[in-house]
N, C-alpha and C. Protein backbone atom coordinates (compact mmCIF):
# COMPACT_ATOMS: atom_id res chain seq x y z
N UNK A 1 -2.61 10.34 17.79
CA UNK A 1 -4.01 9.97 17.71
C UNK A 1 -4.64 10.05 19.09
N UNK A 2 -5.91 10.20 19.08
CA UNK A 2 -6.67 10.23 20.32
C UNK A 2 -6.86 8.80 20.83
N UNK A 3 -6.58 8.58 22.07
CA UNK A 3 -6.68 7.25 22.66
C UNK A 3 -8.09 6.67 22.53
N UNK A 4 -9.19 7.41 22.76
CA UNK A 4 -10.51 6.80 22.61
C UNK A 4 -10.76 6.22 21.21
N UNK A 5 -10.29 6.89 20.16
CA UNK A 5 -10.46 6.34 18.81
C UNK A 5 -9.65 5.07 18.66
N UNK A 6 -8.41 5.09 19.10
CA UNK A 6 -7.55 3.91 19.01
C UNK A 6 -8.15 2.74 19.79
N UNK A 7 -8.66 3.00 20.99
CA UNK A 7 -9.24 1.93 21.80
C UNK A 7 -10.50 1.37 21.14
N UNK A 8 -11.29 2.21 20.53
CA UNK A 8 -12.49 1.75 19.82
C UNK A 8 -12.12 0.77 18.72
N UNK A 9 -11.09 1.09 17.97
CA UNK A 9 -10.65 0.22 16.88
C UNK A 9 -10.08 -1.09 17.42
N UNK A 10 -9.31 -1.02 18.48
CA UNK A 10 -8.71 -2.22 19.08
C UNK A 10 -9.78 -3.16 19.65
N UNK A 11 -10.80 -2.60 20.28
CA UNK A 11 -11.80 -3.40 20.98
C UNK A 11 -12.92 -3.92 20.09
N UNK A 12 -12.95 -3.54 18.83
CA UNK A 12 -14.01 -3.99 17.92
C UNK A 12 -13.39 -4.59 16.66
N UNK A 13 -13.00 -5.86 16.72
CA UNK A 13 -12.37 -6.50 15.55
C UNK A 13 -13.22 -6.35 14.28
N UNK A 14 -12.56 -6.00 13.19
CA UNK A 14 -13.24 -5.87 11.90
C UNK A 14 -13.97 -4.57 11.69
N UNK A 15 -13.95 -3.69 12.67
CA UNK A 15 -14.71 -2.44 12.58
C UNK A 15 -14.28 -1.59 11.38
N UNK A 16 -13.02 -1.64 11.01
CA UNK A 16 -12.54 -0.81 9.91
C UNK A 16 -12.93 -1.37 8.54
N UNK A 17 -13.42 -2.60 8.49
CA UNK A 17 -13.73 -3.24 7.22
C UNK A 17 -15.21 -3.15 6.84
N UNK A 18 -16.04 -2.68 7.74
CA UNK A 18 -17.47 -2.57 7.47
C UNK A 18 -17.76 -1.33 6.63
N UNK A 19 -18.71 -1.46 5.70
CA UNK A 19 -19.05 -0.35 4.81
C UNK A 19 -19.49 0.89 5.59
N UNK A 20 -20.17 0.69 6.71
CA UNK A 20 -20.67 1.83 7.49
C UNK A 20 -19.65 2.38 8.49
N UNK A 21 -18.45 1.82 8.52
CA UNK A 21 -17.42 2.25 9.45
C UNK A 21 -16.93 3.66 9.15
N UNK A 22 -16.48 4.33 10.21
CA UNK A 22 -15.87 5.63 10.04
C UNK A 22 -14.58 5.45 9.24
N UNK A 23 -14.28 6.33 8.31
CA UNK A 23 -13.04 6.20 7.51
C UNK A 23 -11.82 6.74 8.27
N UNK A 24 -11.45 6.04 9.35
CA UNK A 24 -10.31 6.47 10.16
C UNK A 24 -9.04 6.60 9.32
N UNK A 25 -8.95 5.81 8.25
CA UNK A 25 -7.76 5.86 7.41
C UNK A 25 -7.52 7.25 6.84
N UNK A 26 -8.56 8.04 6.71
CA UNK A 26 -8.40 9.40 6.17
C UNK A 26 -7.61 10.29 7.14
N UNK A 27 -7.74 10.01 8.44
CA UNK A 27 -6.97 10.77 9.43
C UNK A 27 -5.48 10.47 9.24
N UNK A 28 -5.16 9.17 9.14
CA UNK A 28 -3.77 8.77 8.96
C UNK A 28 -3.23 9.27 7.63
N UNK A 29 -4.08 9.29 6.62
CA UNK A 29 -3.66 9.78 5.30
C UNK A 29 -3.28 11.26 5.38
N UNK A 30 -4.08 12.04 6.07
CA UNK A 30 -3.79 13.47 6.21
C UNK A 30 -2.51 13.70 7.01
N UNK A 31 -2.33 12.93 8.07
CA UNK A 31 -1.15 13.08 8.92
C UNK A 31 0.13 12.73 8.16
N UNK A 32 0.05 11.71 7.31
CA UNK A 32 1.26 11.21 6.63
C UNK A 32 1.48 11.82 5.25
N UNK A 33 0.66 12.76 4.85
CA UNK A 33 0.73 13.32 3.49
C UNK A 33 2.11 13.82 3.10
N UNK A 34 2.76 14.57 3.95
CA UNK A 34 4.08 15.12 3.62
C UNK A 34 5.12 14.02 3.43
N UNK A 35 5.09 13.02 4.28
CA UNK A 35 6.05 11.92 4.18
C UNK A 35 5.80 11.11 2.91
N UNK A 36 4.54 10.88 2.57
CA UNK A 36 4.22 10.08 1.39
C UNK A 36 4.63 10.77 0.09
N UNK A 37 4.79 12.08 0.10
CA UNK A 37 5.20 12.80 -1.11
C UNK A 37 6.58 12.38 -1.59
N UNK A 38 7.44 11.93 -0.68
CA UNK A 38 8.79 11.54 -1.08
C UNK A 38 8.89 10.07 -1.48
N UNK A 39 7.81 9.33 -1.34
CA UNK A 39 7.82 7.91 -1.71
C UNK A 39 7.84 7.74 -3.23
N UNK A 40 8.37 6.61 -3.64
CA UNK A 40 8.42 6.27 -5.06
C UNK A 40 7.12 5.62 -5.51
N UNK A 41 6.51 4.84 -4.63
CA UNK A 41 5.32 4.06 -4.98
C UNK A 41 4.10 4.57 -4.22
N UNK A 42 2.98 4.69 -4.94
CA UNK A 42 1.72 5.16 -4.35
C UNK A 42 0.62 4.19 -4.75
N UNK A 43 -0.35 3.99 -3.84
CA UNK A 43 -1.44 3.03 -4.07
C UNK A 43 -2.78 3.71 -3.86
N UNK A 44 -3.85 3.02 -4.33
CA UNK A 44 -5.16 3.63 -4.20
C UNK A 44 -6.06 2.98 -3.15
N UNK A 45 -5.63 1.91 -2.52
CA UNK A 45 -6.48 1.22 -1.54
C UNK A 45 -6.06 1.55 -0.11
N UNK A 46 -7.02 1.94 0.74
CA UNK A 46 -6.67 2.19 2.13
C UNK A 46 -6.37 0.91 2.91
N UNK A 47 -6.68 -0.24 2.33
CA UNK A 47 -6.44 -1.52 3.01
C UNK A 47 -5.06 -2.10 2.71
N UNK A 48 -4.29 -1.40 1.88
CA UNK A 48 -2.96 -1.87 1.53
C UNK A 48 -1.92 -0.91 2.11
N UNK A 49 -0.97 -1.48 2.84
CA UNK A 49 0.13 -0.69 3.38
C UNK A 49 1.39 -0.96 2.56
N UNK A 50 2.23 0.05 2.45
CA UNK A 50 3.47 -0.10 1.65
C UNK A 50 4.65 0.41 2.46
N UNK A 51 5.74 -0.35 2.40
CA UNK A 51 7.01 0.15 2.91
C UNK A 51 8.02 0.07 1.77
N UNK A 52 8.94 1.02 1.74
CA UNK A 52 10.02 1.05 0.74
C UNK A 52 11.35 0.91 1.46
N UNK A 53 12.21 0.07 0.89
CA UNK A 53 13.52 -0.18 1.50
C UNK A 53 14.59 0.03 0.43
N UNK A 54 15.42 1.04 0.62
CA UNK A 54 16.44 1.40 -0.37
C UNK A 54 17.65 0.48 -0.29
N UNK A 55 18.11 0.02 -1.46
CA UNK A 55 19.36 -0.72 -1.57
C UNK A 55 20.46 0.22 -2.03
N UNK A 56 20.11 1.11 -2.95
CA UNK A 56 21.01 2.15 -3.43
C UNK A 56 20.13 3.22 -4.05
N UNK A 57 20.72 4.21 -4.68
CA UNK A 57 19.94 5.32 -5.26
C UNK A 57 18.96 4.87 -6.34
N UNK A 58 19.25 3.75 -6.97
CA UNK A 58 18.41 3.33 -8.09
C UNK A 58 17.61 2.06 -7.88
N UNK A 59 17.64 1.49 -6.68
CA UNK A 59 16.93 0.24 -6.42
C UNK A 59 16.26 0.27 -5.06
N UNK A 60 14.99 -0.12 -5.05
CA UNK A 60 14.25 -0.22 -3.78
C UNK A 60 13.47 -1.52 -3.77
N UNK A 61 13.24 -2.02 -2.58
CA UNK A 61 12.37 -3.16 -2.38
C UNK A 61 11.08 -2.59 -1.79
N UNK A 62 9.96 -2.90 -2.41
CA UNK A 62 8.66 -2.44 -1.92
C UNK A 62 7.89 -3.63 -1.39
N UNK A 63 7.36 -3.48 -0.19
CA UNK A 63 6.53 -4.52 0.41
C UNK A 63 5.14 -3.95 0.56
N UNK A 64 4.19 -4.61 -0.10
CA UNK A 64 2.79 -4.19 -0.05
C UNK A 64 2.01 -5.24 0.73
N UNK A 65 1.32 -4.83 1.78
CA UNK A 65 0.58 -5.75 2.63
C UNK A 65 -0.91 -5.46 2.53
N UNK A 66 -1.68 -6.50 2.24
CA UNK A 66 -3.13 -6.41 2.23
C UNK A 66 -3.62 -6.71 3.65
N UNK A 67 -4.13 -5.69 4.32
CA UNK A 67 -4.57 -5.84 5.70
C UNK A 67 -6.02 -6.31 5.81
N UNK A 68 -6.67 -6.60 4.70
CA UNK A 68 -8.07 -7.02 4.76
C UNK A 68 -8.21 -8.54 4.64
N UNK A 69 -9.35 -9.09 5.10
CA UNK A 69 -9.58 -10.53 5.00
C UNK A 69 -10.12 -10.94 3.62
N UNK A 70 -10.07 -10.04 2.65
CA UNK A 70 -10.50 -10.33 1.28
C UNK A 70 -9.38 -10.01 0.31
N UNK A 71 -9.38 -10.69 -0.82
CA UNK A 71 -8.42 -10.35 -1.88
C UNK A 71 -8.68 -8.92 -2.34
N UNK A 72 -7.61 -8.25 -2.74
CA UNK A 72 -7.74 -6.85 -3.18
C UNK A 72 -7.04 -6.67 -4.51
N UNK A 73 -7.68 -5.92 -5.38
CA UNK A 73 -7.04 -5.44 -6.60
C UNK A 73 -6.82 -3.95 -6.38
N UNK A 74 -5.59 -3.53 -6.51
CA UNK A 74 -5.26 -2.13 -6.28
C UNK A 74 -4.33 -1.64 -7.39
N UNK A 75 -4.41 -0.37 -7.68
CA UNK A 75 -3.50 0.23 -8.65
C UNK A 75 -2.36 0.89 -7.91
N UNK A 76 -1.17 0.77 -8.46
CA UNK A 76 -0.03 1.49 -7.92
C UNK A 76 0.54 2.38 -9.02
N UNK A 77 1.03 3.51 -8.61
CA UNK A 77 1.73 4.44 -9.51
C UNK A 77 3.14 4.61 -8.99
N UNK A 78 4.09 4.63 -9.89
CA UNK A 78 5.48 4.88 -9.53
C UNK A 78 5.84 6.28 -9.99
N UNK A 79 6.72 6.93 -9.24
CA UNK A 79 7.19 8.25 -9.68
C UNK A 79 7.82 8.12 -11.06
N UNK A 80 7.77 9.20 -11.78
CA UNK A 80 8.35 9.25 -13.12
C UNK A 80 9.80 8.76 -13.07
N UNK A 81 10.16 7.90 -14.02
CA UNK A 81 11.52 7.41 -14.11
C UNK A 81 11.77 6.11 -13.35
N UNK A 82 10.73 5.53 -12.77
CA UNK A 82 10.85 4.27 -12.03
C UNK A 82 9.98 3.20 -12.68
N UNK A 83 10.36 1.93 -12.49
CA UNK A 83 9.58 0.82 -13.05
C UNK A 83 9.67 -0.38 -12.11
N UNK A 84 8.69 -1.27 -12.23
CA UNK A 84 8.75 -2.54 -11.51
C UNK A 84 9.78 -3.39 -12.22
N UNK A 85 10.78 -3.86 -11.49
CA UNK A 85 11.85 -4.64 -12.08
C UNK A 85 11.62 -6.14 -11.92
N UNK A 86 11.21 -6.56 -10.73
CA UNK A 86 11.09 -7.98 -10.46
C UNK A 86 10.14 -8.20 -9.29
N UNK A 87 9.31 -9.23 -9.40
CA UNK A 87 8.43 -9.60 -8.29
C UNK A 87 9.09 -10.73 -7.52
N UNK A 88 9.27 -10.52 -6.23
CA UNK A 88 9.89 -11.52 -5.36
C UNK A 88 8.83 -12.45 -4.79
N UNK A 89 7.66 -11.88 -4.48
CA UNK A 89 6.58 -12.66 -3.90
C UNK A 89 5.25 -12.08 -4.36
N UNK A 90 4.33 -12.94 -4.77
CA UNK A 90 3.02 -12.50 -5.22
C UNK A 90 2.89 -12.57 -6.73
N UNK A 91 1.71 -12.21 -7.20
CA UNK A 91 1.42 -12.23 -8.62
C UNK A 91 2.08 -11.04 -9.32
N UNK A 92 2.50 -11.26 -10.55
CA UNK A 92 3.08 -10.15 -11.33
C UNK A 92 2.01 -9.08 -11.57
N UNK A 93 2.35 -7.82 -11.32
CA UNK A 93 1.38 -6.76 -11.63
C UNK A 93 1.23 -6.59 -13.13
N UNK A 94 0.08 -6.10 -13.54
CA UNK A 94 -0.20 -5.88 -14.96
C UNK A 94 -0.06 -4.38 -15.24
N UNK A 95 0.82 -4.05 -16.17
CA UNK A 95 1.04 -2.63 -16.52
C UNK A 95 -0.13 -2.14 -17.37
N UNK A 96 -0.73 -1.04 -16.93
CA UNK A 96 -1.84 -0.41 -17.65
C UNK A 96 -1.56 1.08 -17.72
N UNK A 97 -1.13 1.53 -18.89
CA UNK A 97 -0.75 2.90 -19.12
C UNK A 97 0.34 3.29 -18.12
N UNK A 98 0.10 4.20 -17.20
CA UNK A 98 1.14 4.61 -16.25
C UNK A 98 1.06 3.86 -14.93
N UNK A 99 0.01 3.08 -14.74
CA UNK A 99 -0.20 2.38 -13.47
C UNK A 99 0.07 0.89 -13.63
N UNK A 100 0.18 0.23 -12.49
CA UNK A 100 0.27 -1.23 -12.44
C UNK A 100 -0.91 -1.73 -11.63
N UNK A 101 -1.62 -2.71 -12.16
CA UNK A 101 -2.73 -3.34 -11.44
C UNK A 101 -2.17 -4.51 -10.65
N UNK A 102 -2.40 -4.51 -9.36
CA UNK A 102 -1.87 -5.55 -8.48
C UNK A 102 -3.02 -6.30 -7.82
N UNK A 103 -2.88 -7.59 -7.73
CA UNK A 103 -3.84 -8.44 -7.04
C UNK A 103 -3.11 -9.06 -5.84
N UNK A 104 -3.65 -8.81 -4.66
CA UNK A 104 -3.02 -9.32 -3.43
C UNK A 104 -4.05 -10.14 -2.68
N UNK A 105 -3.71 -11.37 -2.35
CA UNK A 105 -4.62 -12.26 -1.64
C UNK A 105 -4.93 -11.71 -0.24
N UNK A 106 -5.99 -12.24 0.35
CA UNK A 106 -6.42 -11.82 1.68
C UNK A 106 -5.29 -11.98 2.70
N UNK A 107 -5.09 -10.95 3.50
CA UNK A 107 -4.07 -10.96 4.56
C UNK A 107 -2.72 -11.45 4.06
N UNK A 108 -2.35 -11.06 2.86
CA UNK A 108 -1.11 -11.52 2.25
C UNK A 108 -0.31 -10.29 1.80
N UNK A 109 0.72 -10.53 1.04
CA UNK A 109 1.61 -9.44 0.63
C UNK A 109 2.09 -9.62 -0.80
N UNK A 110 2.70 -8.58 -1.31
CA UNK A 110 3.41 -8.60 -2.58
C UNK A 110 4.75 -7.92 -2.31
N UNK A 111 5.81 -8.52 -2.78
CA UNK A 111 7.15 -7.95 -2.60
C UNK A 111 7.76 -7.78 -3.97
N UNK A 112 8.22 -6.58 -4.26
CA UNK A 112 8.80 -6.33 -5.58
C UNK A 112 9.95 -5.36 -5.52
N UNK A 113 10.84 -5.51 -6.50
CA UNK A 113 11.94 -4.57 -6.68
C UNK A 113 11.48 -3.51 -7.66
N UNK A 114 11.78 -2.26 -7.34
CA UNK A 114 11.54 -1.16 -8.28
C UNK A 114 12.89 -0.51 -8.55
N UNK A 115 13.08 -0.13 -9.82
CA UNK A 115 14.36 0.45 -10.24
C UNK A 115 14.14 1.70 -11.06
N UNK A 116 15.18 2.54 -11.04
CA UNK A 116 15.17 3.70 -11.94
C UNK A 116 15.31 3.19 -13.37
N UNK A 117 14.63 3.87 -14.26
CA UNK A 117 14.73 3.50 -15.68
C UNK A 117 15.96 4.12 -16.29
């Protein structure tokens, strides 16, 4: 990333949350596109970050972090053949067709196990 953009974000708290803000997340989305293709879990909110931690070939722990100061409802999609097995922390997601609707409190997280079906 370009240092002036990074410094602008660091020096202006909340700048990324304003409606008129530049969508810097789109830059990171484009840069990480190839890596995200191999992930099991995908989300639709730019304010939610996800990490996946493998236990074995058929089990992963997913940590979803809401980086905004407001509660967020976001949809997640799992790759074909995977399902949410257990919620360790946070509200249970609601299954809607192929997606799961997740509600994550402000500056909070959701931790869940996903397994192969």
